[in-house]
């Protein structure tokens, strides 16, 4: 059996160094990037996986459009394994300080050694909203980043 779980929290490197995975950059101590021992989503396996070719169906979307993100995952190791694919979203600039990244979608894939597959996710307008100063869901124009594995691609929202 090959482990395939991912951490549902960030395991701190130092005592009392507790920040959630979607911390705001301004919340990091000293303005530095948070340095967890094991970050949210960290996992171990007897095999290795490689992410490539992160594609978005559009670089500009309007309020009602669906955004589709696709990524290719390859089992580059010697053993059959499951990989939990995590899609994070970041609002680059917002009227309130946005989180560093927010988990929006995830799925698991089973891959034999050398096997590749393409995974697709869809994001809606609701996924791009945040709670504004008035405690109501808010949607603002601007740049967003989609992150899967160590890959990142961006798009703009124009209402």
N, C-alpha and C. Protein backbone atom coordinates (compact mmCIF):
# COMPACT_ATOMS: atom_id res chain seq x y z
N UNK A 1 0.85 -1.17 0.00
CA UNK A 1 0.00 0.00 0.00
C UNK A 1 0.90 1.24 0.00
N UNK A 2 0.53 2.22 -0.80
CA UNK A 2 1.32 3.43 -0.97
C UNK A 2 0.56 4.61 -0.35
N UNK A 3 1.15 5.34 0.61
CA UNK A 3 0.44 6.47 1.23
C UNK A 3 0.13 7.55 0.20
N UNK A 4 -1.03 8.20 0.37
CA UNK A 4 -1.41 9.24 -0.59
C UNK A 4 -2.11 10.42 0.08
N UNK A 5 -2.10 10.49 1.40
CA UNK A 5 -2.76 11.59 2.09
C UNK A 5 -1.98 12.88 2.02
N UNK A 6 -2.66 13.97 2.26
CA UNK A 6 -2.05 15.30 2.32
C UNK A 6 -2.44 15.94 3.64
N UNK A 7 -1.54 16.74 4.22
CA UNK A 7 -1.82 17.38 5.50
C UNK A 7 -2.96 18.40 5.38
N UNK A 8 -3.92 18.38 6.31
CA UNK A 8 -5.01 19.35 6.30
C UNK A 8 -4.67 20.61 7.10
N UNK A 9 -3.42 20.78 7.47
CA UNK A 9 -2.97 21.95 8.22
C UNK A 9 -1.48 22.13 7.95
N UNK A 10 -0.92 23.27 8.33
CA UNK A 10 0.52 23.51 8.22
C UNK A 10 1.16 23.11 9.54
N UNK A 11 2.14 22.22 9.48
CA UNK A 11 2.84 21.77 10.68
C UNK A 11 3.98 22.75 10.94
N UNK A 12 3.99 23.42 12.10
CA UNK A 12 4.97 24.49 12.33
C UNK A 12 6.41 23.99 12.48
N UNK A 13 7.34 24.81 12.06
CA UNK A 13 8.76 24.51 12.21
C UNK A 13 9.22 24.80 13.63
N UNK A 14 8.62 25.81 14.26
CA UNK A 14 9.00 26.23 15.60
C UNK A 14 7.77 26.25 16.52
N UNK A 15 7.95 26.08 17.83
CA UNK A 15 6.82 26.14 18.75
C UNK A 15 6.10 27.49 18.62
N UNK A 16 4.78 27.44 18.68
CA UNK A 16 3.93 28.63 18.62
C UNK A 16 4.02 29.39 17.30
N UNK A 17 4.55 28.76 16.28
CA UNK A 17 4.61 29.37 14.96
C UNK A 17 3.41 28.86 14.16
N UNK A 18 2.24 29.32 14.53
CA UNK A 18 1.01 28.78 13.97
C UNK A 18 0.35 29.77 13.03
N UNK A 19 0.43 29.50 11.75
CA UNK A 19 -0.28 30.26 10.73
C UNK A 19 -1.07 29.28 9.89
N UNK A 20 -2.28 29.64 9.49
CA UNK A 20 -3.05 28.76 8.63
C UNK A 20 -2.46 28.77 7.22
N UNK A 21 -2.85 27.80 6.39
CA UNK A 21 -2.24 27.67 5.07
C UNK A 21 -2.55 28.85 4.17
N UNK A 22 -3.68 29.50 4.35
CA UNK A 22 -4.06 30.61 3.48
C UNK A 22 -3.76 31.96 4.11
N UNK A 23 -2.69 32.00 4.92
CA UNK A 23 -2.32 33.24 5.61
C UNK A 23 -2.16 34.40 4.63
N UNK A 24 -2.33 35.59 5.15
CA UNK A 24 -2.08 36.79 4.36
C UNK A 24 -0.60 37.11 4.46
N UNK A 25 -0.02 37.57 3.39
CA UNK A 25 1.41 37.88 3.37
C UNK A 25 1.76 38.80 4.53
N UNK A 26 0.86 39.74 4.85
CA UNK A 26 1.12 40.69 5.94
C UNK A 26 1.12 40.01 7.30
N UNK A 27 0.60 38.78 7.41
CA UNK A 27 0.57 38.07 8.68
C UNK A 27 1.86 37.32 8.98
N UNK A 28 2.70 37.15 7.99
CA UNK A 28 3.97 36.45 8.20
C UNK A 28 4.87 37.29 9.09
N UNK A 29 5.53 36.64 10.02
CA UNK A 29 6.37 37.39 10.96
C UNK A 29 7.52 38.06 10.23
N UNK A 30 7.73 39.32 10.52
CA UNK A 30 8.82 40.07 9.90
C UNK A 30 8.64 40.32 8.42
N UNK A 31 7.44 40.06 7.90
CA UNK A 31 7.21 40.26 6.47
C UNK A 31 7.81 39.17 5.60
N UNK A 32 8.36 38.12 6.21
CA UNK A 32 8.97 37.04 5.44
C UNK A 32 7.94 35.97 5.11
N UNK A 33 8.22 35.22 4.07
CA UNK A 33 7.36 34.09 3.69
C UNK A 33 7.30 33.09 4.84
N UNK A 34 6.13 32.56 5.13
CA UNK A 34 5.97 31.59 6.21
C UNK A 34 6.77 30.34 5.88
N UNK A 35 7.52 29.84 6.86
CA UNK A 35 8.43 28.73 6.66
C UNK A 35 7.99 27.54 7.53
N UNK A 36 6.96 26.83 7.08
CA UNK A 36 6.45 25.69 7.84
C UNK A 36 7.39 24.49 7.72
N UNK A 37 7.40 23.64 8.72
CA UNK A 37 8.15 22.38 8.63
C UNK A 37 7.55 21.53 7.52
N UNK A 38 6.20 21.40 7.54
CA UNK A 38 5.46 20.70 6.50
C UNK A 38 4.24 21.55 6.18
N UNK A 39 4.16 22.14 4.98
CA UNK A 39 3.06 23.04 4.65
C UNK A 39 1.74 22.31 4.42
N UNK A 40 0.64 23.05 4.49
CA UNK A 40 -0.67 22.52 4.15
C UNK A 40 -0.56 21.80 2.81
N UNK A 41 -1.11 20.59 2.71
CA UNK A 41 -1.08 19.84 1.46
C UNK A 41 0.15 18.98 1.28
N UNK A 42 1.09 19.03 2.22
CA UNK A 42 2.30 18.19 2.12
C UNK A 42 1.90 16.73 2.27
N UNK A 43 2.52 15.87 1.51
CA UNK A 43 2.26 14.45 1.61
C UNK A 43 3.48 13.67 1.16
N UNK A 44 3.50 12.39 1.49
CA UNK A 44 4.63 11.53 1.14
C UNK A 44 4.11 10.31 0.38
N UNK A 45 4.99 9.73 -0.42
CA UNK A 45 4.63 8.57 -1.22
C UNK A 45 5.90 7.77 -1.50
N UNK A 46 5.73 6.52 -1.91
CA UNK A 46 6.87 5.71 -2.30
C UNK A 46 7.25 5.95 -3.75
N UNK A 47 6.48 6.77 -4.43
CA UNK A 47 6.76 7.11 -5.82
C UNK A 47 6.79 8.62 -5.96
N UNK A 48 7.10 9.11 -7.12
CA UNK A 48 7.17 10.56 -7.36
C UNK A 48 6.23 10.95 -8.49
N UNK A 49 5.76 12.18 -8.43
CA UNK A 49 4.84 12.70 -9.44
C UNK A 49 5.37 14.02 -9.96
N UNK A 50 5.14 14.25 -11.24
CA UNK A 50 5.56 15.50 -11.87
C UNK A 50 4.34 16.17 -12.49
N UNK A 51 4.22 17.47 -12.26
CA UNK A 51 3.13 18.26 -12.82
C UNK A 51 3.69 19.05 -14.00
N UNK A 52 2.90 19.14 -15.08
CA UNK A 52 3.34 19.91 -16.24
C UNK A 52 2.13 20.47 -17.00
N UNK A 53 2.40 21.44 -17.82
CA UNK A 53 1.44 21.97 -18.78
C UNK A 53 0.15 22.46 -18.14
N UNK A 54 0.26 23.38 -17.18
CA UNK A 54 -0.94 23.99 -16.58
C UNK A 54 -1.52 24.97 -17.59
N UNK A 55 -2.74 24.69 -18.03
CA UNK A 55 -3.41 25.52 -19.04
C UNK A 55 -4.73 26.04 -18.50
N UNK A 56 -5.05 27.28 -18.84
CA UNK A 56 -6.35 27.87 -18.54
C UNK A 56 -7.07 28.08 -19.87
N UNK A 57 -8.39 27.92 -19.88
CA UNK A 57 -9.12 28.06 -21.14
C UNK A 57 -9.23 29.51 -21.61
N UNK A 58 -8.86 30.47 -20.73
CA UNK A 58 -8.91 31.88 -21.12
C UNK A 58 -7.99 32.69 -20.21
N UNK A 59 -7.45 33.78 -20.75
CA UNK A 59 -6.64 34.66 -19.92
C UNK A 59 -7.47 35.83 -19.38
N UNK A 60 -8.69 35.99 -19.92
CA UNK A 60 -9.61 37.02 -19.45
C UNK A 60 -11.00 36.40 -19.38
N UNK A 61 -11.66 36.54 -18.23
CA UNK A 61 -13.03 36.06 -18.10
C UNK A 61 -13.91 37.18 -17.58
N UNK A 62 -15.22 37.05 -17.82
CA UNK A 62 -16.18 38.00 -17.28
C UNK A 62 -16.93 37.30 -16.15
N UNK A 63 -17.73 38.04 -15.40
CA UNK A 63 -18.38 37.53 -14.20
C UNK A 63 -19.08 36.20 -14.32
N UNK A 64 -19.78 35.94 -15.42
CA UNK A 64 -20.55 34.70 -15.55
C UNK A 64 -19.80 33.55 -16.18
N UNK A 65 -18.59 33.76 -16.66
CA UNK A 65 -17.83 32.70 -17.34
C UNK A 65 -17.31 31.65 -16.37
N UNK A 66 -17.17 30.43 -16.86
CA UNK A 66 -16.48 29.38 -16.13
C UNK A 66 -15.02 29.40 -16.56
N UNK A 67 -14.13 29.22 -15.63
CA UNK A 67 -12.71 29.09 -15.95
C UNK A 67 -12.35 27.62 -15.81
N UNK A 68 -11.74 27.07 -16.84
CA UNK A 68 -11.31 25.67 -16.78
C UNK A 68 -9.79 25.64 -16.72
N UNK A 69 -9.28 24.88 -15.75
CA UNK A 69 -7.84 24.70 -15.59
C UNK A 69 -7.53 23.23 -15.82
N UNK A 70 -6.50 22.96 -16.62
CA UNK A 70 -6.06 21.59 -16.89
C UNK A 70 -4.58 21.47 -16.57
N UNK A 71 -4.20 20.33 -16.03
CA UNK A 71 -2.80 20.06 -15.73
C UNK A 71 -2.53 18.59 -16.02
N UNK A 72 -1.31 18.28 -16.43
CA UNK A 72 -0.90 16.91 -16.68
C UNK A 72 -0.07 16.43 -15.50
N UNK A 73 -0.40 15.23 -15.00
CA UNK A 73 0.34 14.63 -13.89
C UNK A 73 0.93 13.32 -14.40
N UNK A 74 2.22 13.12 -14.11
CA UNK A 74 2.93 11.91 -14.53
C UNK A 74 3.54 11.24 -13.32
N UNK A 75 3.37 9.92 -13.23
CA UNK A 75 4.04 9.14 -12.20
C UNK A 75 5.45 8.86 -12.71
N UNK A 76 6.43 9.55 -12.15
CA UNK A 76 7.82 9.42 -12.60
C UNK A 76 8.60 8.42 -11.77
N UNK A 77 7.93 7.75 -10.83
CA UNK A 77 8.61 6.79 -9.96
C UNK A 77 8.48 5.36 -10.44
N UNK A 78 8.86 4.44 -9.56
CA UNK A 78 8.89 3.02 -9.89
C UNK A 78 7.69 2.24 -9.35
N UNK A 79 6.79 2.92 -8.64
CA UNK A 79 5.67 2.23 -8.01
C UNK A 79 4.34 2.86 -8.42
N UNK A 80 3.29 2.05 -8.40
CA UNK A 80 1.95 2.57 -8.59
C UNK A 80 1.63 3.48 -7.42
N UNK A 81 0.94 4.59 -7.68
CA UNK A 81 0.63 5.50 -6.60
C UNK A 81 -0.60 6.34 -6.86
N UNK A 82 -1.13 6.89 -5.78
CA UNK A 82 -2.24 7.85 -5.83
C UNK A 82 -1.66 9.22 -5.52
N UNK A 83 -2.12 10.21 -6.26
CA UNK A 83 -1.71 11.58 -6.00
C UNK A 83 -2.95 12.43 -5.76
N UNK A 84 -2.93 13.22 -4.71
CA UNK A 84 -3.99 14.18 -4.46
C UNK A 84 -3.60 15.48 -5.14
N UNK A 85 -4.38 15.87 -6.15
CA UNK A 85 -4.10 17.07 -6.93
C UNK A 85 -4.88 18.23 -6.30
N UNK A 86 -4.16 19.27 -5.88
CA UNK A 86 -4.76 20.41 -5.19
C UNK A 86 -4.71 21.65 -6.07
N UNK A 87 -5.85 22.33 -6.25
CA UNK A 87 -5.90 23.58 -6.99
C UNK A 87 -6.11 24.71 -5.99
N UNK A 88 -5.19 25.66 -6.01
CA UNK A 88 -5.26 26.84 -5.15
C UNK A 88 -5.54 28.07 -6.02
N UNK A 89 -6.18 29.06 -5.42
CA UNK A 89 -6.47 30.31 -6.10
C UNK A 89 -5.98 31.46 -5.24
N UNK A 90 -5.42 32.48 -5.88
CA UNK A 90 -4.99 33.69 -5.17
C UNK A 90 -5.51 34.91 -5.93
N UNK A 91 -6.17 35.80 -5.20
CA UNK A 91 -6.57 37.10 -5.73
C UNK A 91 -5.37 38.00 -5.52
N UNK A 92 -4.73 38.43 -6.59
CA UNK A 92 -3.46 39.14 -6.47
C UNK A 92 -3.60 40.47 -5.74
N UNK A 93 -4.66 41.24 -6.06
CA UNK A 93 -4.91 42.52 -5.39
C UNK A 93 -6.40 42.62 -5.11
N UNK A 94 -6.76 42.98 -3.88
CA UNK A 94 -8.17 43.13 -3.53
C UNK A 94 -8.31 44.32 -2.58
N UNK A 95 -9.56 44.75 -2.34
CA UNK A 95 -9.80 45.90 -1.47
C UNK A 95 -9.53 45.58 0.00
N UNK A 96 -9.52 44.29 0.35
CA UNK A 96 -9.04 43.85 1.66
C UNK A 96 -7.86 42.92 1.36
N UNK A 97 -6.93 42.82 2.30
CA UNK A 97 -5.73 42.02 2.05
C UNK A 97 -6.14 40.58 1.75
N UNK A 98 -5.82 40.08 0.54
CA UNK A 98 -6.24 38.73 0.18
C UNK A 98 -5.34 37.66 0.80
N UNK A 99 -5.89 36.45 0.97
CA UNK A 99 -5.06 35.34 1.45
C UNK A 99 -3.95 35.02 0.45
N UNK A 100 -2.90 34.40 0.95
CA UNK A 100 -1.79 33.97 0.11
C UNK A 100 -2.27 32.97 -0.94
N UNK A 101 -3.11 32.02 -0.52
CA UNK A 101 -3.71 31.05 -1.44
C UNK A 101 -4.86 30.37 -0.71
N UNK A 102 -5.86 29.97 -1.50
CA UNK A 102 -7.04 29.32 -0.95
C UNK A 102 -7.28 28.04 -1.75
N UNK A 103 -7.46 26.93 -1.05
CA UNK A 103 -7.77 25.67 -1.71
C UNK A 103 -9.18 25.74 -2.25
N UNK A 104 -9.35 25.54 -3.57
CA UNK A 104 -10.67 25.61 -4.19
C UNK A 104 -11.15 24.27 -4.71
N UNK A 105 -10.26 23.41 -5.18
CA UNK A 105 -10.64 22.12 -5.72
C UNK A 105 -9.54 21.10 -5.42
N UNK A 106 -9.95 19.82 -5.37
CA UNK A 106 -8.97 18.75 -5.26
C UNK A 106 -9.57 17.47 -5.81
N UNK A 107 -8.71 16.54 -6.21
CA UNK A 107 -9.12 15.22 -6.67
C UNK A 107 -7.95 14.28 -6.49
N UNK A 108 -8.22 12.99 -6.52
CA UNK A 108 -7.16 11.98 -6.44
C UNK A 108 -7.09 11.22 -7.75
N UNK A 109 -5.88 10.91 -8.17
CA UNK A 109 -5.68 10.11 -9.39
C UNK A 109 -4.77 8.93 -9.06
N UNK A 110 -5.07 7.78 -9.65
CA UNK A 110 -4.24 6.58 -9.54
C UNK A 110 -3.40 6.48 -10.81
N UNK A 111 -2.09 6.32 -10.65
CA UNK A 111 -1.22 6.23 -11.82
C UNK A 111 -0.22 5.10 -11.67
N UNK A 112 -0.06 4.34 -12.74
CA UNK A 112 0.98 3.32 -12.82
C UNK A 112 2.32 4.01 -13.11
N UNK A 113 3.45 3.34 -12.87
CA UNK A 113 4.74 3.95 -13.19
C UNK A 113 4.81 4.36 -14.67
N UNK A 114 5.21 5.60 -14.92
CA UNK A 114 5.33 6.11 -16.28
C UNK A 114 4.03 6.61 -16.88
N UNK A 115 2.91 6.38 -16.23
CA UNK A 115 1.60 6.79 -16.75
C UNK A 115 1.35 8.27 -16.49
N UNK A 116 0.67 8.92 -17.43
CA UNK A 116 0.27 10.33 -17.31
C UNK A 116 -1.23 10.45 -17.47
N UNK A 117 -1.78 11.48 -16.88
CA UNK A 117 -3.19 11.80 -17.07
C UNK A 117 -3.37 13.30 -17.00
N UNK A 118 -4.44 13.77 -17.60
CA UNK A 118 -4.78 15.19 -17.52
C UNK A 118 -5.98 15.34 -16.60
N UNK A 119 -5.87 16.27 -15.67
CA UNK A 119 -6.93 16.55 -14.71
C UNK A 119 -7.48 17.93 -15.01
N UNK A 120 -8.81 18.05 -15.01
CA UNK A 120 -9.48 19.32 -15.27
C UNK A 120 -10.28 19.77 -14.06
N UNK A 121 -10.28 21.05 -13.82
CA UNK A 121 -11.09 21.66 -12.77
C UNK A 121 -11.83 22.85 -13.37
N UNK A 122 -13.02 23.12 -12.85
CA UNK A 122 -13.77 24.32 -13.26
C UNK A 122 -13.96 25.23 -12.06
N UNK A 123 -13.73 26.52 -12.29
CA UNK A 123 -13.95 27.53 -11.27
C UNK A 123 -15.09 28.43 -11.71
N UNK A 124 -15.96 28.80 -10.77
CA UNK A 124 -17.09 29.67 -11.05
C UNK A 124 -16.86 31.05 -10.47
N UNK A 125 -17.78 31.94 -10.75
CA UNK A 125 -17.72 33.29 -10.19
C UNK A 125 -17.68 33.23 -8.67
N UNK A 126 -18.43 32.33 -8.08
CA UNK A 126 -18.47 32.19 -6.62
C UNK A 126 -17.09 31.88 -6.04
N UNK A 127 -16.27 31.14 -6.79
CA UNK A 127 -14.92 30.80 -6.33
C UNK A 127 -14.02 32.03 -6.26
N UNK A 128 -14.35 33.07 -7.01
CA UNK A 128 -13.51 34.27 -7.07
C UNK A 128 -13.92 35.32 -6.04
N UNK A 129 -15.03 35.09 -5.37
CA UNK A 129 -15.52 36.05 -4.38
C UNK A 129 -14.78 35.93 -3.06
N UNK A 130 -14.80 37.01 -2.30
CA UNK A 130 -14.26 37.02 -0.95
C UNK A 130 -15.23 37.82 -0.08
N UNK A 131 -15.09 37.70 1.22
CA UNK A 131 -15.95 38.46 2.13
C UNK A 131 -15.36 39.86 2.28
N UNK A 132 -16.12 40.86 1.87
CA UNK A 132 -15.66 42.25 1.88
C UNK A 132 -15.82 42.91 3.23
N UNK A 133 -15.54 44.20 3.25
CA UNK A 133 -15.62 44.97 4.50
C UNK A 133 -17.03 45.01 5.08
N UNK A 134 -18.04 44.83 4.23
CA UNK A 134 -19.43 44.86 4.68
C UNK A 134 -19.94 43.47 5.06
N UNK A 135 -19.03 42.50 5.17
CA UNK A 135 -19.36 41.11 5.50
C UNK A 135 -20.25 40.44 4.46
N UNK A 136 -20.18 40.90 3.23
CA UNK A 136 -20.94 40.33 2.13
C UNK A 136 -19.98 39.79 1.08
N UNK A 137 -20.39 38.74 0.34
CA UNK A 137 -19.55 38.25 -0.75
C UNK A 137 -19.28 39.37 -1.76
N UNK A 138 -18.02 39.53 -2.13
CA UNK A 138 -17.59 40.62 -3.00
C UNK A 138 -16.80 40.03 -4.16
N UNK A 139 -17.08 40.55 -5.35
CA UNK A 139 -16.35 40.14 -6.55
C UNK A 139 -15.75 41.38 -7.17
N UNK A 140 -14.42 41.41 -7.34
CA UNK A 140 -13.74 42.58 -7.88
C UNK A 140 -12.94 42.19 -9.11
N UNK A 141 -12.87 43.13 -10.06
CA UNK A 141 -12.03 42.95 -11.24
C UNK A 141 -10.58 42.82 -10.80
N UNK A 142 -9.78 42.17 -11.60
CA UNK A 142 -8.35 42.11 -11.33
C UNK A 142 -7.72 40.79 -11.71
N UNK A 143 -6.48 40.65 -11.29
CA UNK A 143 -5.68 39.48 -11.63
C UNK A 143 -5.82 38.40 -10.56
N UNK A 144 -5.93 37.16 -11.02
CA UNK A 144 -5.99 35.99 -10.15
C UNK A 144 -4.94 35.00 -10.60
N UNK A 145 -4.41 34.24 -9.67
CA UNK A 145 -3.42 33.20 -9.99
C UNK A 145 -3.99 31.84 -9.62
N UNK A 146 -3.84 30.88 -10.51
CA UNK A 146 -4.21 29.48 -10.28
C UNK A 146 -2.91 28.73 -10.05
N UNK A 147 -2.85 27.95 -8.95
CA UNK A 147 -1.65 27.19 -8.61
C UNK A 147 -2.00 25.72 -8.43
N UNK A 148 -1.28 24.86 -9.14
CA UNK A 148 -1.42 23.41 -9.00
C UNK A 148 0.00 22.85 -8.94
N UNK A 149 0.30 22.09 -7.89
CA UNK A 149 1.67 21.61 -7.72
C UNK A 149 2.61 22.80 -7.61
N UNK A 150 3.70 22.77 -8.37
CA UNK A 150 4.64 23.89 -8.36
C UNK A 150 4.42 24.82 -9.55
N UNK A 151 3.27 24.68 -10.22
CA UNK A 151 2.96 25.47 -11.41
C UNK A 151 1.99 26.60 -11.07
N UNK A 152 2.08 27.68 -11.83
CA UNK A 152 1.18 28.82 -11.62
C UNK A 152 0.85 29.44 -12.97
N UNK A 153 -0.41 29.84 -13.14
CA UNK A 153 -0.86 30.52 -14.34
C UNK A 153 -1.87 31.58 -13.89
N UNK A 154 -1.97 32.68 -14.62
CA UNK A 154 -2.85 33.75 -14.16
C UNK A 154 -3.88 34.12 -15.22
N UNK A 155 -4.94 34.78 -14.76
CA UNK A 155 -5.99 35.29 -15.64
C UNK A 155 -6.54 36.56 -15.00
N UNK A 156 -7.28 37.31 -15.79
CA UNK A 156 -7.90 38.55 -15.32
C UNK A 156 -9.41 38.41 -15.35
N UNK A 157 -10.05 38.98 -14.34
CA UNK A 157 -11.50 39.06 -14.29
C UNK A 157 -11.92 40.47 -14.65
N UNK A 158 -12.80 40.57 -15.64
CA UNK A 158 -13.36 41.86 -16.04
C UNK A 158 -14.87 41.70 -16.05
N UNK A 159 -15.55 42.46 -15.21
CA UNK A 159 -17.03 42.34 -15.12
C UNK A 159 -17.73 43.20 -16.14
